[in-house]
């Protein structure tokens, strides 16, 4: 079982290395959520914006697919998500960086005139 986990970790490292070739990764968090489920969280800079992305990968996917194929899918999704820009002022500390929710303290907006805007 430990060998399988080590192989999974090596494949995840390879996926991250491939993604790092396409994106300016600032932080990467890897967490094993359950016996066969891993969470990959990326913080990267795209067009002077810091964006966060989160992906779950099942170990069975890593067995059945090549790491470069999985990395290609993640890169595509990150590019598509970036094209659909978050709403509100993304320079504000409280912006949720989401297409659906403006911010944590003033979700309905507007950003202009908000006393929490930083």
N, C-alpha and C. Protein backbone atom coordinates (compact mmCIF):
# COMPACT_ATOMS: atom_id res chain seq x y z
N UNK A 1 0.82 -1.20 0.00
CA UNK A 1 0.00 0.00 0.00
C UNK A 1 0.86 1.26 0.00
N UNK A 2 1.97 1.25 0.78
CA UNK A 2 2.83 2.42 0.82
C UNK A 2 3.48 2.67 -0.53
N UNK A 3 3.80 1.58 -1.26
CA UNK A 3 4.40 1.75 -2.58
C UNK A 3 3.43 2.43 -3.53
N UNK A 4 2.14 2.06 -3.45
CA UNK A 4 1.14 2.68 -4.29
C UNK A 4 1.03 4.17 -3.97
N UNK A 5 1.03 4.52 -2.68
CA UNK A 5 0.96 5.94 -2.29
C UNK A 5 2.18 6.70 -2.79
N UNK A 6 3.35 6.06 -2.73
CA UNK A 6 4.57 6.72 -3.22
C UNK A 6 4.50 6.93 -4.73
N UNK A 7 3.99 5.94 -5.46
CA UNK A 7 3.83 6.09 -6.90
C UNK A 7 2.83 7.20 -7.22
N UNK A 8 1.77 7.27 -6.45
CA UNK A 8 0.78 8.32 -6.64
C UNK A 8 1.41 9.69 -6.39
N UNK A 9 2.19 9.82 -5.32
CA UNK A 9 2.84 11.09 -5.01
C UNK A 9 3.81 11.49 -6.13
N UNK A 10 4.52 10.54 -6.68
CA UNK A 10 5.45 10.84 -7.79
C UNK A 10 4.69 11.32 -9.02
N UNK A 11 3.57 10.71 -9.30
CA UNK A 11 2.76 11.14 -10.44
C UNK A 11 2.20 12.55 -10.21
N UNK A 12 1.78 12.84 -8.99
CA UNK A 12 1.28 14.17 -8.68
C UNK A 12 2.39 15.20 -8.82
N UNK A 13 3.59 14.87 -8.37
CA UNK A 13 4.73 15.78 -8.54
C UNK A 13 4.99 16.05 -10.02
N UNK A 14 4.85 15.03 -10.84
CA UNK A 14 5.05 15.20 -12.28
C UNK A 14 3.98 16.11 -12.87
N UNK A 15 2.74 15.92 -12.43
CA UNK A 15 1.64 16.78 -12.89
C UNK A 15 1.92 18.24 -12.53
N UNK A 16 2.37 18.48 -11.32
CA UNK A 16 2.66 19.85 -10.87
C UNK A 16 3.81 20.44 -11.68
N UNK A 17 4.83 19.65 -11.96
CA UNK A 17 5.96 20.14 -12.76
C UNK A 17 5.50 20.54 -14.16
N UNK A 18 4.60 19.77 -14.74
CA UNK A 18 4.08 20.11 -16.08
C UNK A 18 3.26 21.40 -16.01
N UNK A 19 2.42 21.53 -15.00
CA UNK A 19 1.61 22.75 -14.85
C UNK A 19 2.50 23.97 -14.63
N UNK A 20 3.58 23.79 -13.88
CA UNK A 20 4.50 24.91 -13.60
C UNK A 20 5.16 25.43 -14.87
N UNK A 21 5.21 24.63 -15.92
CA UNK A 21 5.76 25.10 -17.19
C UNK A 21 4.83 26.08 -17.88
N UNK A 22 3.54 26.02 -17.57
CA UNK A 22 2.55 26.89 -18.21
C UNK A 22 2.07 28.04 -17.34
N UNK A 23 2.20 27.90 -16.02
CA UNK A 23 1.69 28.91 -15.10
C UNK A 23 2.76 29.31 -14.10
N UNK A 24 2.69 30.55 -13.65
CA UNK A 24 3.60 31.06 -12.62
C UNK A 24 3.02 30.65 -11.26
N UNK A 25 3.34 29.43 -10.84
CA UNK A 25 2.81 28.92 -9.57
C UNK A 25 3.51 29.60 -8.40
N UNK A 26 2.72 30.11 -7.47
CA UNK A 26 3.25 30.75 -6.27
C UNK A 26 3.27 29.78 -5.10
N UNK A 27 2.19 29.02 -4.97
CA UNK A 27 2.08 28.04 -3.89
C UNK A 27 1.33 26.83 -4.42
N UNK A 28 1.70 25.66 -3.91
CA UNK A 28 1.00 24.43 -4.24
C UNK A 28 0.78 23.67 -2.95
N UNK A 29 -0.45 23.28 -2.71
CA UNK A 29 -0.78 22.49 -1.54
C UNK A 29 -1.32 21.14 -2.01
N UNK A 30 -0.75 20.08 -1.48
CA UNK A 30 -1.19 18.73 -1.81
C UNK A 30 -1.68 18.08 -0.53
N UNK A 31 -2.86 17.51 -0.59
CA UNK A 31 -3.42 16.90 0.60
C UNK A 31 -4.15 15.61 0.22
N UNK A 32 -3.88 14.57 0.96
CA UNK A 32 -4.62 13.33 0.76
C UNK A 32 -5.88 13.41 1.62
N UNK A 33 -7.02 13.49 0.97
CA UNK A 33 -8.29 13.71 1.66
C UNK A 33 -8.87 12.40 2.18
N UNK A 34 -8.77 11.37 1.39
CA UNK A 34 -9.30 10.06 1.77
C UNK A 34 -8.35 8.99 1.22
N UNK A 35 -8.71 7.75 1.40
CA UNK A 35 -7.83 6.66 0.97
C UNK A 35 -7.41 6.78 -0.49
N UNK A 36 -8.31 7.21 -1.34
CA UNK A 36 -7.99 7.25 -2.77
C UNK A 36 -8.23 8.61 -3.40
N UNK A 37 -8.32 9.67 -2.58
CA UNK A 37 -8.63 11.00 -3.10
C UNK A 37 -7.59 12.01 -2.65
N UNK A 38 -7.07 12.77 -3.61
CA UNK A 38 -6.05 13.79 -3.35
C UNK A 38 -6.60 15.15 -3.77
N UNK A 39 -6.23 16.17 -3.03
CA UNK A 39 -6.59 17.55 -3.36
C UNK A 39 -5.32 18.29 -3.77
N UNK A 40 -5.41 18.98 -4.91
CA UNK A 40 -4.31 19.83 -5.37
C UNK A 40 -4.82 21.26 -5.40
N UNK A 41 -4.20 22.14 -4.65
CA UNK A 41 -4.58 23.55 -4.62
C UNK A 41 -3.41 24.37 -5.12
N UNK A 42 -3.68 25.23 -6.10
CA UNK A 42 -2.65 26.06 -6.71
C UNK A 42 -2.95 27.52 -6.47
N UNK A 43 -1.94 28.28 -6.19
CA UNK A 43 -2.02 29.73 -6.19
C UNK A 43 -1.05 30.18 -7.27
N UNK A 44 -1.55 30.90 -8.26
CA UNK A 44 -0.67 31.31 -9.36
C UNK A 44 -0.97 32.74 -9.78
N UNK A 45 -0.02 33.32 -10.48
CA UNK A 45 -0.20 34.68 -10.99
C UNK A 45 -0.46 34.61 -12.48
N UNK A 46 -1.57 35.23 -12.89
CA UNK A 46 -1.94 35.29 -14.29
C UNK A 46 -2.33 36.74 -14.59
N UNK A 47 -1.66 37.36 -15.54
CA UNK A 47 -1.95 38.75 -15.91
C UNK A 47 -2.02 39.66 -14.70
N UNK A 48 -1.02 39.60 -13.84
CA UNK A 48 -0.91 40.43 -12.64
C UNK A 48 -2.03 40.19 -11.63
N UNK A 49 -2.69 39.05 -11.72
CA UNK A 49 -3.72 38.68 -10.75
C UNK A 49 -3.27 37.41 -10.05
N UNK A 50 -3.50 37.35 -8.76
CA UNK A 50 -3.25 36.12 -8.02
C UNK A 50 -4.56 35.34 -7.99
N UNK A 51 -4.52 34.14 -8.52
CA UNK A 51 -5.72 33.32 -8.61
C UNK A 51 -5.49 31.97 -7.93
N UNK A 52 -6.55 31.43 -7.36
CA UNK A 52 -6.49 30.14 -6.68
C UNK A 52 -7.32 29.12 -7.45
N UNK A 53 -6.78 27.94 -7.56
CA UNK A 53 -7.47 26.83 -8.22
C UNK A 53 -7.37 25.60 -7.34
N UNK A 54 -8.41 24.79 -7.36
CA UNK A 54 -8.42 23.57 -6.56
C UNK A 54 -8.94 22.42 -7.40
N UNK A 55 -8.26 21.29 -7.33
CA UNK A 55 -8.65 20.10 -8.08
C UNK A 55 -8.56 18.88 -7.20
N UNK A 56 -9.48 17.95 -7.41
CA UNK A 56 -9.44 16.67 -6.71
C UNK A 56 -9.09 15.61 -7.73
N UNK A 57 -8.20 14.73 -7.34
CA UNK A 57 -7.78 13.65 -8.23
C UNK A 57 -7.92 12.34 -7.48
N UNK A 58 -8.59 11.40 -8.11
CA UNK A 58 -8.71 10.06 -7.54
C UNK A 58 -7.53 9.22 -8.00
N UNK A 59 -7.05 8.37 -7.11
CA UNK A 59 -5.90 7.53 -7.45
C UNK A 59 -6.18 6.65 -8.66
N UNK A 60 -7.41 6.23 -8.84
CA UNK A 60 -7.74 5.40 -10.00
C UNK A 60 -7.48 6.17 -11.29
N UNK A 61 -7.72 7.49 -11.27
CA UNK A 61 -7.43 8.31 -12.45
C UNK A 61 -5.93 8.33 -12.75
N UNK A 62 -5.14 8.34 -11.70
CA UNK A 62 -3.69 8.34 -11.88
C UNK A 62 -3.20 6.99 -12.41
N UNK A 63 -3.90 5.94 -12.10
CA UNK A 63 -3.52 4.61 -12.61
C UNK A 63 -3.90 4.46 -14.07
N UNK A 64 -5.05 5.03 -14.44
CA UNK A 64 -5.58 4.84 -15.79
C UNK A 64 -5.11 5.89 -16.79
N UNK A 65 -4.56 7.00 -16.32
CA UNK A 65 -4.18 8.10 -17.21
C UNK A 65 -2.72 8.46 -17.03
N UNK A 66 -2.16 9.05 -18.07
CA UNK A 66 -0.78 9.53 -17.97
C UNK A 66 -0.77 10.88 -17.27
N UNK A 67 0.25 11.16 -16.46
CA UNK A 67 0.31 12.46 -15.75
C UNK A 67 0.23 13.66 -16.69
N UNK A 68 0.83 13.56 -17.88
CA UNK A 68 0.78 14.72 -18.79
C UNK A 68 -0.64 14.95 -19.32
N UNK A 69 -1.43 13.91 -19.46
CA UNK A 69 -2.82 14.08 -19.88
C UNK A 69 -3.63 14.79 -18.80
N UNK A 70 -3.43 14.39 -17.56
CA UNK A 70 -4.13 15.03 -16.45
C UNK A 70 -3.69 16.49 -16.32
N UNK A 71 -2.38 16.74 -16.45
CA UNK A 71 -1.86 18.11 -16.38
C UNK A 71 -2.44 18.97 -17.50
N UNK A 72 -2.57 18.41 -18.69
CA UNK A 72 -3.15 19.16 -19.81
C UNK A 72 -4.60 19.56 -19.51
N UNK A 73 -5.35 18.66 -18.91
CA UNK A 73 -6.74 18.96 -18.56
C UNK A 73 -6.80 20.07 -17.51
N UNK A 74 -5.95 19.97 -16.49
CA UNK A 74 -5.92 20.99 -15.44
C UNK A 74 -5.51 22.34 -16.02
N UNK A 75 -4.48 22.36 -16.88
CA UNK A 75 -4.05 23.62 -17.50
C UNK A 75 -5.17 24.23 -18.35
N UNK A 76 -5.87 23.40 -19.09
CA UNK A 76 -6.98 23.89 -19.91
C UNK A 76 -8.06 24.51 -19.02
N UNK A 77 -8.42 23.83 -17.94
CA UNK A 77 -9.44 24.35 -17.03
C UNK A 77 -8.98 25.65 -16.37
N UNK A 78 -7.70 25.73 -16.01
CA UNK A 78 -7.19 26.96 -15.40
C UNK A 78 -7.26 28.12 -16.40
N UNK A 79 -6.92 27.86 -17.66
CA UNK A 79 -6.99 28.90 -18.68
C UNK A 79 -8.42 29.34 -18.91
N UNK A 80 -9.34 28.38 -18.97
CA UNK A 80 -10.76 28.71 -19.18
C UNK A 80 -11.31 29.49 -17.99
N UNK A 81 -10.95 29.07 -16.78
CA UNK A 81 -11.42 29.79 -15.59
C UNK A 81 -10.88 31.20 -15.56
N UNK A 82 -9.67 31.39 -16.03
CA UNK A 82 -9.09 32.72 -16.04
C UNK A 82 -9.81 33.62 -17.04
N UNK A 83 -10.24 33.08 -18.14
CA UNK A 83 -10.95 33.88 -19.15
C UNK A 83 -12.27 34.41 -18.59
N UNK A 84 -12.86 33.66 -17.70
CA UNK A 84 -14.10 34.10 -17.07
C UNK A 84 -13.73 34.80 -15.76
N UNK A 85 -13.37 36.03 -15.88
CA UNK A 85 -12.81 36.80 -14.77
C UNK A 85 -13.76 36.90 -13.58
N UNK A 86 -13.18 36.98 -12.38
CA UNK A 86 -14.00 37.17 -11.19
C UNK A 86 -14.68 38.54 -11.20
N UNK A 87 -15.80 38.64 -10.50
CA UNK A 87 -16.51 39.92 -10.44
C UNK A 87 -15.95 40.77 -9.31
N UNK A 88 -16.16 42.06 -9.42
CA UNK A 88 -15.70 42.99 -8.37
C UNK A 88 -14.27 43.42 -8.58
N UNK A 89 -13.75 44.13 -7.59
CA UNK A 89 -12.40 44.67 -7.62
C UNK A 89 -11.43 43.61 -7.09
N UNK A 90 -10.71 42.96 -7.98
CA UNK A 90 -9.85 41.86 -7.55
C UNK A 90 -8.59 42.34 -6.83
N UNK A 91 -8.37 43.65 -6.79
CA UNK A 91 -7.22 44.16 -6.03
C UNK A 91 -7.56 44.29 -4.55
N UNK A 92 -8.84 44.18 -4.21
CA UNK A 92 -9.27 44.28 -2.82
C UNK A 92 -8.95 42.99 -2.08
N UNK A 93 -8.51 43.13 -0.86
CA UNK A 93 -8.14 41.97 -0.03
C UNK A 93 -9.32 41.03 0.19
N UNK A 94 -10.54 41.56 0.24
CA UNK A 94 -11.71 40.77 0.56
C UNK A 94 -12.42 40.17 -0.66
N UNK A 95 -11.93 40.45 -1.88
CA UNK A 95 -12.56 39.91 -3.07
C UNK A 95 -12.48 38.39 -3.04
N UNK A 96 -13.58 37.73 -3.38
CA UNK A 96 -13.64 36.26 -3.33
C UNK A 96 -12.96 35.61 -4.53
N UNK A 97 -12.60 36.42 -5.54
CA UNK A 97 -11.97 35.90 -6.76
C UNK A 97 -12.82 34.78 -7.37
N UNK A 98 -14.10 35.08 -7.47
CA UNK A 98 -15.08 34.13 -7.97
C UNK A 98 -15.92 34.80 -9.05
N UNK A 99 -16.45 33.99 -9.94
CA UNK A 99 -17.37 34.51 -10.96
C UNK A 99 -18.77 34.69 -10.39
N UNK A 100 -19.02 34.12 -9.19
CA UNK A 100 -20.36 34.10 -8.63
C UNK A 100 -20.53 34.98 -7.40
N UNK A 101 -19.47 35.13 -6.61
CA UNK A 101 -19.54 35.87 -5.36
C UNK A 101 -18.51 37.00 -5.41
N UNK A 102 -18.98 38.22 -5.18
CA UNK A 102 -18.10 39.38 -5.27
C UNK A 102 -17.04 39.40 -4.17
N UNK A 103 -17.49 39.35 -2.93
CA UNK A 103 -16.52 39.39 -1.83
C UNK A 103 -17.13 38.81 -0.56
N UNK A 104 -16.32 38.72 0.46
CA UNK A 104 -16.77 38.09 1.70
C UNK A 104 -17.54 39.05 2.61
N UNK A 105 -17.25 40.35 2.55
CA UNK A 105 -17.90 41.30 3.45
C UNK A 105 -19.02 42.10 2.80
N UNK A 106 -19.03 42.20 1.48
CA UNK A 106 -20.04 42.97 0.76
C UNK A 106 -20.41 42.21 -0.52
N UNK A 107 -21.00 41.01 -0.39
CA UNK A 107 -21.20 40.15 -1.56
C UNK A 107 -22.09 40.73 -2.65
N UNK A 108 -22.99 41.61 -2.31
CA UNK A 108 -23.89 42.19 -3.31
C UNK A 108 -23.32 43.43 -3.97
N UNK A 109 -22.19 43.95 -3.42
CA UNK A 109 -21.55 45.11 -4.01
C UNK A 109 -22.34 46.37 -3.75
N UNK A 110 -22.02 47.45 -4.39
CA UNK A 110 -20.88 47.58 -5.31
C UNK A 110 -19.57 47.80 -4.57
N UNK A 111 -18.48 47.63 -5.28
CA UNK A 111 -17.14 47.83 -4.65
C UNK A 111 -16.88 49.32 -4.39
N UNK A 112 -17.34 50.17 -5.30
CA UNK A 112 -17.13 51.60 -5.16
C UNK A 112 -17.81 52.09 -3.89
N UNK A 113 -17.07 52.77 -3.03
CA UNK A 113 -17.61 53.32 -1.81
C UNK A 113 -17.71 52.33 -0.64
N UNK A 114 -17.30 51.11 -0.84
CA UNK A 114 -17.35 50.12 0.24
C UNK A 114 -16.33 50.49 1.31
N UNK A 115 -16.73 50.51 2.59
CA UNK A 115 -15.82 50.92 3.65
C UNK A 115 -14.75 49.87 3.93
N UNK A 116 -14.93 48.66 3.46
CA UNK A 116 -13.94 47.60 3.70
C UNK A 116 -12.93 47.48 2.55
N UNK A 117 -13.17 48.19 1.47
CA UNK A 117 -12.30 48.07 0.29
C UNK A 117 -10.87 48.43 0.62
N UNK A 118 -9.98 47.49 0.34
CA UNK A 118 -8.55 47.71 0.60
C UNK A 118 -7.72 47.34 -0.60
